[in-house]
Amino acid sequence: MPEKKIPDDAWAIAKARIEAMPSGLKMSIGSYGTLTKVELLEEIDKHSDIGKLIAEAQLDFLRRFKQRV
């Protein structure tokens, strides 16, 4: 299955949404474990597998929010 490309602006949106969260933020991401806000931002910057999950989740949230408004 071809990998889904995440547009640059989507990475920026995901990063901005995480940056806006409290500094003590910790997020559990399945088998990847619990990551701090700083670690989440690093994964987004690296465009890693975890970063992709975060970006996709943020975009999915915004799409669903838009559908309800």
PDB file of N, CA and C in Angstrom:
ATOM      1  N   MET A   1       0.852  -1.182   0.000  1.00  0.00           N
ATOM      2  CA  MET A   1       0.000   0.000   0.000  1.00  0.00           C
ATOM      3  C   MET A   1       0.893   1.240   0.000  1.00  0.00           C
ATOM      4  N   PRO A   2       0.648   2.186  -0.920  1.00  0.00           N
ATOM      5  CA  PRO A   2       1.472   3.403  -0.961  1.00  0.00           C
ATOM      6  C   PRO A   2       1.277   4.253   0.294  1.00  0.00           C
ATOM      7  N   GLU A   3       2.383   4.867   0.703  1.00  0.00           N
ATOM      8  CA  GLU A   3       2.334   5.707   1.896  1.00  0.00           C
ATOM      9  C   GLU A   3       1.625   7.016   1.600  1.00  0.00           C
ATOM     10  N   LYS A   4       0.768   7.440   2.531  1.00  0.00           N
ATOM     11  CA  LYS A   4       0.006   8.675   2.382  1.00  0.00           C
ATOM     12  C   LYS A   4       0.923   9.865   2.658  1.00  0.00           C
ATOM     13  N   LYS A   5       1.008  10.792   1.710  1.00  0.00           N
ATOM     14  CA  LYS A   5       1.835  11.984   1.877  1.00  0.00           C
ATOM     15  C   LYS A   5       1.066  13.022   2.676  1.00  0.00           C
ATOM     16  N   ILE A   6       1.741  13.576   3.665  1.00  0.00           N
ATOM     17  CA  ILE A   6       1.148  14.626   4.481  1.00  0.00           C
ATOM     18  C   ILE A   6       1.691  15.958   3.970  1.00  0.00           C
ATOM     19  N   PRO A   7       0.817  16.867   3.536  1.00  0.00           N
ATOM     20  CA  PRO A   7       1.271  18.164   3.005  1.00  0.00           C
ATOM     21  C   PRO A   7       2.016  18.972   4.071  1.00  0.00           C
ATOM     22  N   ASP A   8       2.934  19.818   3.620  1.00  0.00           N
ATOM     23  CA  ASP A   8       3.736  20.644   4.528  1.00  0.00           C
ATOM     24  C   ASP A   8       2.875  21.487   5.461  1.00  0.00           C
ATOM     25  N   ASP A   9       1.789  22.042   4.935  1.00  0.00           N
ATOM     26  CA  ASP A   9       0.946  22.875   5.797  1.00  0.00           C
ATOM     27  C   ASP A   9       0.276  22.050   6.894  1.00  0.00           C
ATOM     28  N   ALA A  10       0.031  20.769   6.635  1.00  0.00           N
ATOM     29  CA  ALA A  10      -0.559  19.902   7.652  1.00  0.00           C
ATOM     30  C   ALA A  10       0.442  19.645   8.784  1.00  0.00           C
ATOM     31  N   TRP A  11       1.712  19.485   8.432  1.00  0.00           N
ATOM     32  CA  TRP A  11       2.747  19.341   9.465  1.00  0.00           C
ATOM     33  C   TRP A  11       2.785  20.600  10.332  1.00  0.00           C
ATOM     34  N   ALA A  12       2.711  21.751   9.687  1.00  0.00           N
ATOM     35  CA  ALA A  12       2.754  23.027  10.418  1.00  0.00           C
ATOM     36  C   ALA A  12       1.545  23.178  11.343  1.00  0.00           C
ATOM     37  N   ILE A  13       0.382  22.769  10.882  1.00  0.00           N
ATOM     38  CA  ILE A  13      -0.827  22.843  11.707  1.00  0.00           C
ATOM     39  C   ILE A  13      -0.699  21.922  12.917  1.00  0.00           C
ATOM     40  N   ALA A  14      -0.247  20.696  12.682  1.00  0.00           N
ATOM     41  CA  ALA A  14      -0.082  19.744  13.782  1.00  0.00           C
ATOM     42  C   ALA A  14       0.907  20.284  14.806  1.00  0.00           C
ATOM     43  N   LYS A  15       2.009  20.846  14.332  1.00  0.00           N
ATOM     44  CA  LYS A  15       3.016  21.397  15.240  1.00  0.00           C
ATOM     45  C   LYS A  15       2.441  22.566  16.047  1.00  0.00           C
ATOM     46  N   ALA A  16       1.732  23.453  15.385  1.00  0.00           N
ATOM     47  CA  ALA A  16       1.151  24.609  16.070  1.00  0.00           C
ATOM     48  C   ALA A  16       0.143  24.177  17.130  1.00  0.00           C
ATOM     49  N   ARG A  17      -0.648  23.144  16.830  1.00  0.00           N
ATOM     50  CA  ARG A  17      -1.639  22.670  17.805  1.00  0.00           C
ATOM     51  C   ARG A  17      -0.962  22.062  19.026  1.00  0.00           C
ATOM     52  N   ILE A  18       0.119  21.323  18.836  1.00  0.00           N
ATOM     53  CA  ILE A  18       0.849  20.750  19.970  1.00  0.00           C
ATOM     54  C   ILE A  18       1.551  21.864  20.751  1.00  0.00           C
ATOM     55  N   GLU A  19       2.136  22.830  20.053  1.00  0.00           N
ATOM     56  CA  GLU A  19       2.807  23.948  20.732  1.00  0.00           C
ATOM     57  C   GLU A  19       1.842  24.742  21.617  1.00  0.00           C
ATOM     58  N   ALA A  20       0.574  24.795  21.225  1.00  0.00           N
ATOM     59  CA  ALA A  20      -0.420  25.558  21.977  1.00  0.00           C
ATOM     60  C   ALA A  20      -0.882  24.832  23.246  1.00  0.00           C
ATOM     61  N   MET A  21      -0.515  23.590  23.389  1.00  0.00           N
ATOM     62  CA  MET A  21      -0.938  22.804  24.547  1.00  0.00           C
ATOM     63  C   MET A  21      -0.038  23.103  25.754  1.00  0.00           C
ATOM     64  N   PRO A  22      -0.518  22.793  26.962  1.00  0.00           N
ATOM     65  CA  PRO A  22       0.257  23.082  28.173  1.00  0.00           C
ATOM     66  C   PRO A  22       1.629  22.401  28.165  1.00  0.00           C
ATOM     67  N   SER A  23       2.606  23.038  28.823  1.00  0.00           N
ATOM     68  CA  SER A  23       3.980  22.535  28.808  1.00  0.00           C
ATOM     69  C   SER A  23       4.119  21.169  29.478  1.00  0.00           C
ATOM     70  N   GLY A  24       3.250  20.834  30.402  1.00  0.00           N
ATOM     71  CA  GLY A  24       3.317  19.549  31.089  1.00  0.00           C
ATOM     72  C   GLY A  24       2.630  18.414  30.346  1.00  0.00           C
ATOM     73  N   LEU A  25       2.223  18.662  29.110  1.00  0.00           N
ATOM     74  CA  LEU A  25       1.491  17.667  28.320  1.00  0.00           C
ATOM     75  C   LEU A  25       2.289  16.383  28.168  1.00  0.00           C
ATOM     76  N   LYS A  26       1.610  15.269  28.359  1.00  0.00           N
ATOM     77  CA  LYS A  26       2.149  13.945  28.045  1.00  0.00           C
ATOM     78  C   LYS A  26       1.052  13.216  27.300  1.00  0.00           C
ATOM     79  N   MET A  27       1.435  12.489  26.265  1.00  0.00           N
ATOM     80  CA  MET A  27       0.454  11.787  25.450  1.00  0.00           C
ATOM     81  C   MET A  27       0.904  10.344  25.277  1.00  0.00           C
ATOM     82  N   SER A  28      -0.004   9.428  25.522  1.00  0.00           N
ATOM     83  CA  SER A  28       0.280   8.019  25.329  1.00  0.00           C
ATOM     84  C   SER A  28      -0.109   7.644  23.905  1.00  0.00           C
ATOM     85  N   ILE A  29       0.840   7.052  23.196  1.00  0.00           N
ATOM     86  CA  ILE A  29       0.594   6.675  21.806  1.00  0.00           C
ATOM     87  C   ILE A  29       0.860   5.179  21.652  1.00  0.00           C
ATOM     88  N   GLY A  30      -0.149   4.398  21.980  1.00  0.00           N
ATOM     89  CA  GLY A  30      -0.101   2.946  21.827  1.00  0.00           C
ATOM     90  C   GLY A  30       1.204   2.320  22.256  1.00  0.00           C
ATOM     91  N   SER A  31       1.762   1.489  21.400  1.00  0.00           N
ATOM     92  CA  SER A  31       2.988   0.754  21.713  1.00  0.00           C
ATOM     93  C   SER A  31       4.229   1.650  21.723  1.00  0.00           C
ATOM     94  N   TYR A  32       4.087   2.903  21.288  1.00  0.00           N
ATOM     95  CA  TYR A  32       5.224   3.830  21.310  1.00  0.00           C
ATOM     96  C   TYR A  32       5.480   4.369  22.709  1.00  0.00           C
ATOM     97  N   GLY A  33       4.513   4.251  23.602  1.00  0.00           N
ATOM     98  CA  GLY A  33       4.677   4.716  24.971  1.00  0.00           C
ATOM     99  C   GLY A  33       4.167   6.131  25.165  1.00  0.00           C
ATOM    100  N   THR A  34       4.574   6.729  26.279  1.00  0.00           N
ATOM    101  CA  THR A  34       4.149   8.078  26.638  1.00  0.00           C
ATOM    102  C   THR A  34       5.232   9.070  26.257  1.00  0.00           C
ATOM    103  N   LEU A  35       4.832  10.123  25.547  1.00  0.00           N
ATOM    104  CA  LEU A  35       5.778  11.139  25.101  1.00  0.00           C
ATOM    105  C   LEU A  35       5.418  12.493  25.694  1.00  0.00           C
ATOM    106  N   THR A  36       6.433  13.284  25.987  1.00  0.00           N
ATOM    107  CA  THR A  36       6.224  14.641  26.486  1.00  0.00           C
ATOM    108  C   THR A  36       5.930  15.559  25.300  1.00  0.00           C
ATOM    109  N   LYS A  37       5.539  16.770  25.610  1.00  0.00           N
ATOM    110  CA  LYS A  37       5.277  17.765  24.565  1.00  0.00           C
ATOM    111  C   LYS A  37       6.526  17.968  23.706  1.00  0.00           C
ATOM    112  N   VAL A  38       7.684  18.079  24.341  1.00  0.00           N
ATOM    113  CA  VAL A  38       8.939  18.275  23.606  1.00  0.00           C
ATOM    114  C   VAL A  38       9.208  17.093  22.681  1.00  0.00           C
ATOM    115  N   GLU A  39       8.995  15.885  23.169  1.00  0.00           N
ATOM    116  CA  GLU A  39       9.211  14.696  22.342  1.00  0.00           C
ATOM    117  C   GLU A  39       8.228  14.639  21.178  1.00  0.00           C
ATOM    118  N   LEU A  40       6.978  15.021  21.427  1.00  0.00           N
ATOM    119  CA  LEU A  40       5.984  15.054  20.346  1.00  0.00           C
ATOM    120  C   LEU A  40       6.419  16.018  19.248  1.00  0.00           C
ATOM    121  N   LEU A  41       6.881  17.201  19.655  1.00  0.00           N
ATOM    122  CA  LEU A  41       7.322  18.203  18.681  1.00  0.00           C
ATOM    123  C   LEU A  41       8.540  17.709  17.904  1.00  0.00           C
ATOM    124  N   GLU A  42       9.451  17.016  18.577  1.00  0.00           N
ATOM    125  CA  GLU A  42      10.622  16.463  17.887  1.00  0.00           C
ATOM    126  C   GLU A  42      10.209  15.437  16.842  1.00  0.00           C
ATOM    127  N   GLU A  43       9.241  14.593  17.178  1.00  0.00           N
ATOM    128  CA  GLU A  43       8.767  13.578  16.235  1.00  0.00           C
ATOM    129  C   GLU A  43       8.088  14.224  15.030  1.00  0.00           C
ATOM    130  N   ILE A  44       7.355  15.293  15.263  1.00  0.00           N
ATOM    131  CA  ILE A  44       6.731  16.024  14.149  1.00  0.00           C
ATOM    132  C   ILE A  44       7.810  16.624  13.261  1.00  0.00           C
ATOM    133  N   ASP A  45       8.825  17.239  13.869  1.00  0.00           N
ATOM    134  CA  ASP A  45       9.909  17.843  13.093  1.00  0.00           C
ATOM    135  C   ASP A  45      10.665  16.815  12.252  1.00  0.00           C
ATOM    136  N   LYS A  46      10.811  15.595  12.786  1.00  0.00           N
ATOM    137  CA  LYS A  46      11.527  14.528  12.071  1.00  0.00           C
ATOM    138  C   LYS A  46      10.658  13.846  11.013  1.00  0.00           C
ATOM    139  N   HIS A  47       9.362  14.122  11.035  1.00  0.00           N
ATOM    140  CA  HIS A  47       8.409  13.441  10.146  1.00  0.00           C
ATOM    141  C   HIS A  47       8.504  11.926  10.322  1.00  0.00           C
ATOM    142  N   SER A  48       8.690  11.516  11.571  1.00  0.00           N
ATOM    143  CA  SER A  48       8.814  10.092  11.894  1.00  0.00           C
ATOM    144  C   SER A  48       7.445   9.410  11.825  1.00  0.00           C
ATOM    145  N   ASP A  49       7.444   8.105  12.069  1.00  0.00           N
ATOM    146  CA  ASP A  49       6.175   7.371  12.101  1.00  0.00           C
ATOM    147  C   ASP A  49       5.255   7.931  13.185  1.00  0.00           C
ATOM    148  N   ILE A  50       5.828   8.241  14.350  1.00  0.00           N
ATOM    149  CA  ILE A  50       5.026   8.827  15.428  1.00  0.00           C
ATOM    150  C   ILE A  50       4.540  10.211  15.013  1.00  0.00           C
ATOM    151  N   GLY A  51       5.409  10.997  14.395  1.00  0.00           N
ATOM    152  CA  GLY A  51       5.021  12.324  13.914  1.00  0.00           C
ATOM    153  C   GLY A  51       3.873  12.250  12.929  1.00  0.00           C
ATOM    154  N   LYS A  52       3.902  11.243  12.053  1.00  0.00           N
ATOM    155  CA  LYS A  52       2.817  11.058  11.078  1.00  0.00           C
ATOM    156  C   LYS A  52       1.502  10.742  11.778  1.00  0.00           C
ATOM    157  N   LEU A  53       1.572   9.893  12.804  1.00  0.00           N
ATOM    158  CA  LEU A  53       0.354   9.575  13.565  1.00  0.00           C
ATOM    159  C   LEU A  53      -0.224  10.829  14.208  1.00  0.00           C
ATOM    160  N   ILE A  54       0.646  11.647  14.788  1.00  0.00           N
ATOM    161  CA  ILE A  54       0.197  12.881  15.440  1.00  0.00           C
ATOM    162  C   ILE A  54      -0.432  13.818  14.415  1.00  0.00           C
ATOM    163  N   ALA A  55       0.254  14.022  13.288  1.00  0.00           N
ATOM    164  CA  ALA A  55      -0.252  14.925  12.250  1.00  0.00           C
ATOM    165  C   ALA A  55      -1.590  14.434  11.709  1.00  0.00           C
ATOM    166  N   GLU A  56      -1.680  13.140  11.436  1.00  0.00           N
ATOM    167  CA  GLU A  56      -2.936  12.588  10.910  1.00  0.00           C
ATOM    168  C   GLU A  56      -4.070  12.719  11.929  1.00  0.00           C
ATOM    169  N   ALA A  57      -3.761  12.507  13.199  1.00  0.00           N
ATOM    170  CA  ALA A  57      -4.794  12.626  14.235  1.00  0.00           C
ATOM    171  C   ALA A  57      -5.278  14.071  14.355  1.00  0.00           C
ATOM    172  N   GLN A  58      -4.367  15.018  14.280  1.00  0.00           N
ATOM    173  CA  GLN A  58      -4.749  16.429  14.364  1.00  0.00           C
ATOM    174  C   GLN A  58      -5.615  16.817  13.169  1.00  0.00           C
ATOM    175  N   LEU A  59      -5.234  16.375  11.985  1.00  0.00           N
ATOM    176  CA  LEU A  59      -6.018  16.685  10.783  1.00  0.00           C
ATOM    177  C   LEU A  59      -7.387  16.023  10.834  1.00  0.00           C
ATOM    178  N   ASP A  60      -7.430  14.789  11.303  1.00  0.00           N
ATOM    179  CA  ASP A  60      -8.709  14.089  11.420  1.00  0.00           C
ATOM    180  C   ASP A  60      -9.627  14.820  12.394  1.00  0.00           C
ATOM    181  N   PHE A  61      -9.076  15.278  13.516  1.00  0.00           N
ATOM    182  CA  PHE A  61      -9.864  16.036  14.477  1.00  0.00           C
ATOM    183  C   PHE A  61     -10.450  17.285  13.825  1.00  0.00           C
ATOM    184  N   LEU A  62      -9.620  18.030  13.097  1.00  0.00           N
ATOM    185  CA  LEU A  62     -10.091  19.269  12.474  1.00  0.00           C
ATOM    186  C   LEU A  62     -11.147  19.006  11.408  1.00  0.00           C
ATOM    187  N   ARG A  63     -10.963  17.939  10.637  1.00  0.00           N
ATOM    188  CA  ARG A  63     -11.966  17.584   9.619  1.00  0.00           C
ATOM    189  C   ARG A  63     -13.308  17.256  10.269  1.00  0.00           C
ATOM    190  N   ARG A  64     -13.262  16.464  11.341  1.00  0.00           N
ATOM    191  CA  ARG A  64     -14.499  16.083  12.026  1.00  0.00           C
ATOM    192  C   ARG A  64     -15.155  17.284  12.703  1.00  0.00           C
ATOM    193  N   PHE A  65     -14.345  18.167  13.249  1.00  0.00           N
ATOM    194  CA  PHE A  65     -14.863  19.372  13.877  1.00  0.00           C
ATOM    195  C   PHE A  65     -15.585  20.241  12.838  1.00  0.00           C
ATOM    196  N   LYS A  66     -14.972  20.357  11.667  1.00  0.00           N
ATOM    197  CA  LYS A  66     -15.554  21.160  10.587  1.00  0.00           C
ATOM    198  C   LYS A  66     -16.910  20.582  10.159  1.00  0.00           C
ATOM    199  N   GLN A  67     -17.028  19.279  10.131  1.00  0.00           N
ATOM    200  CA  GLN A  67     -18.283  18.630   9.725  1.00  0.00           C
ATOM    201  C   GLN A  67     -19.405  18.901  10.709  1.00  0.00           C
ATOM    202  N   ARG A  68     -19.085  19.115  11.971  1.00  0.00           N
ATOM    203  CA  ARG A  68     -20.095  19.331  12.995  1.00  0.00           C
ATOM    204  C   ARG A  68     -20.509  20.788  13.128  1.00  0.00           C
ATOM    205  N   VAL A  69     -19.700  21.688  12.610  1.00  0.00           N
ATOM    206  CA  VAL A  69     -20.005  23.117  12.758  1.00  0.00           C
ATOM    207  C   VAL A  69     -20.951  23.575  11.695  1.00  0.00           C
TER     208      VAL A  69
END
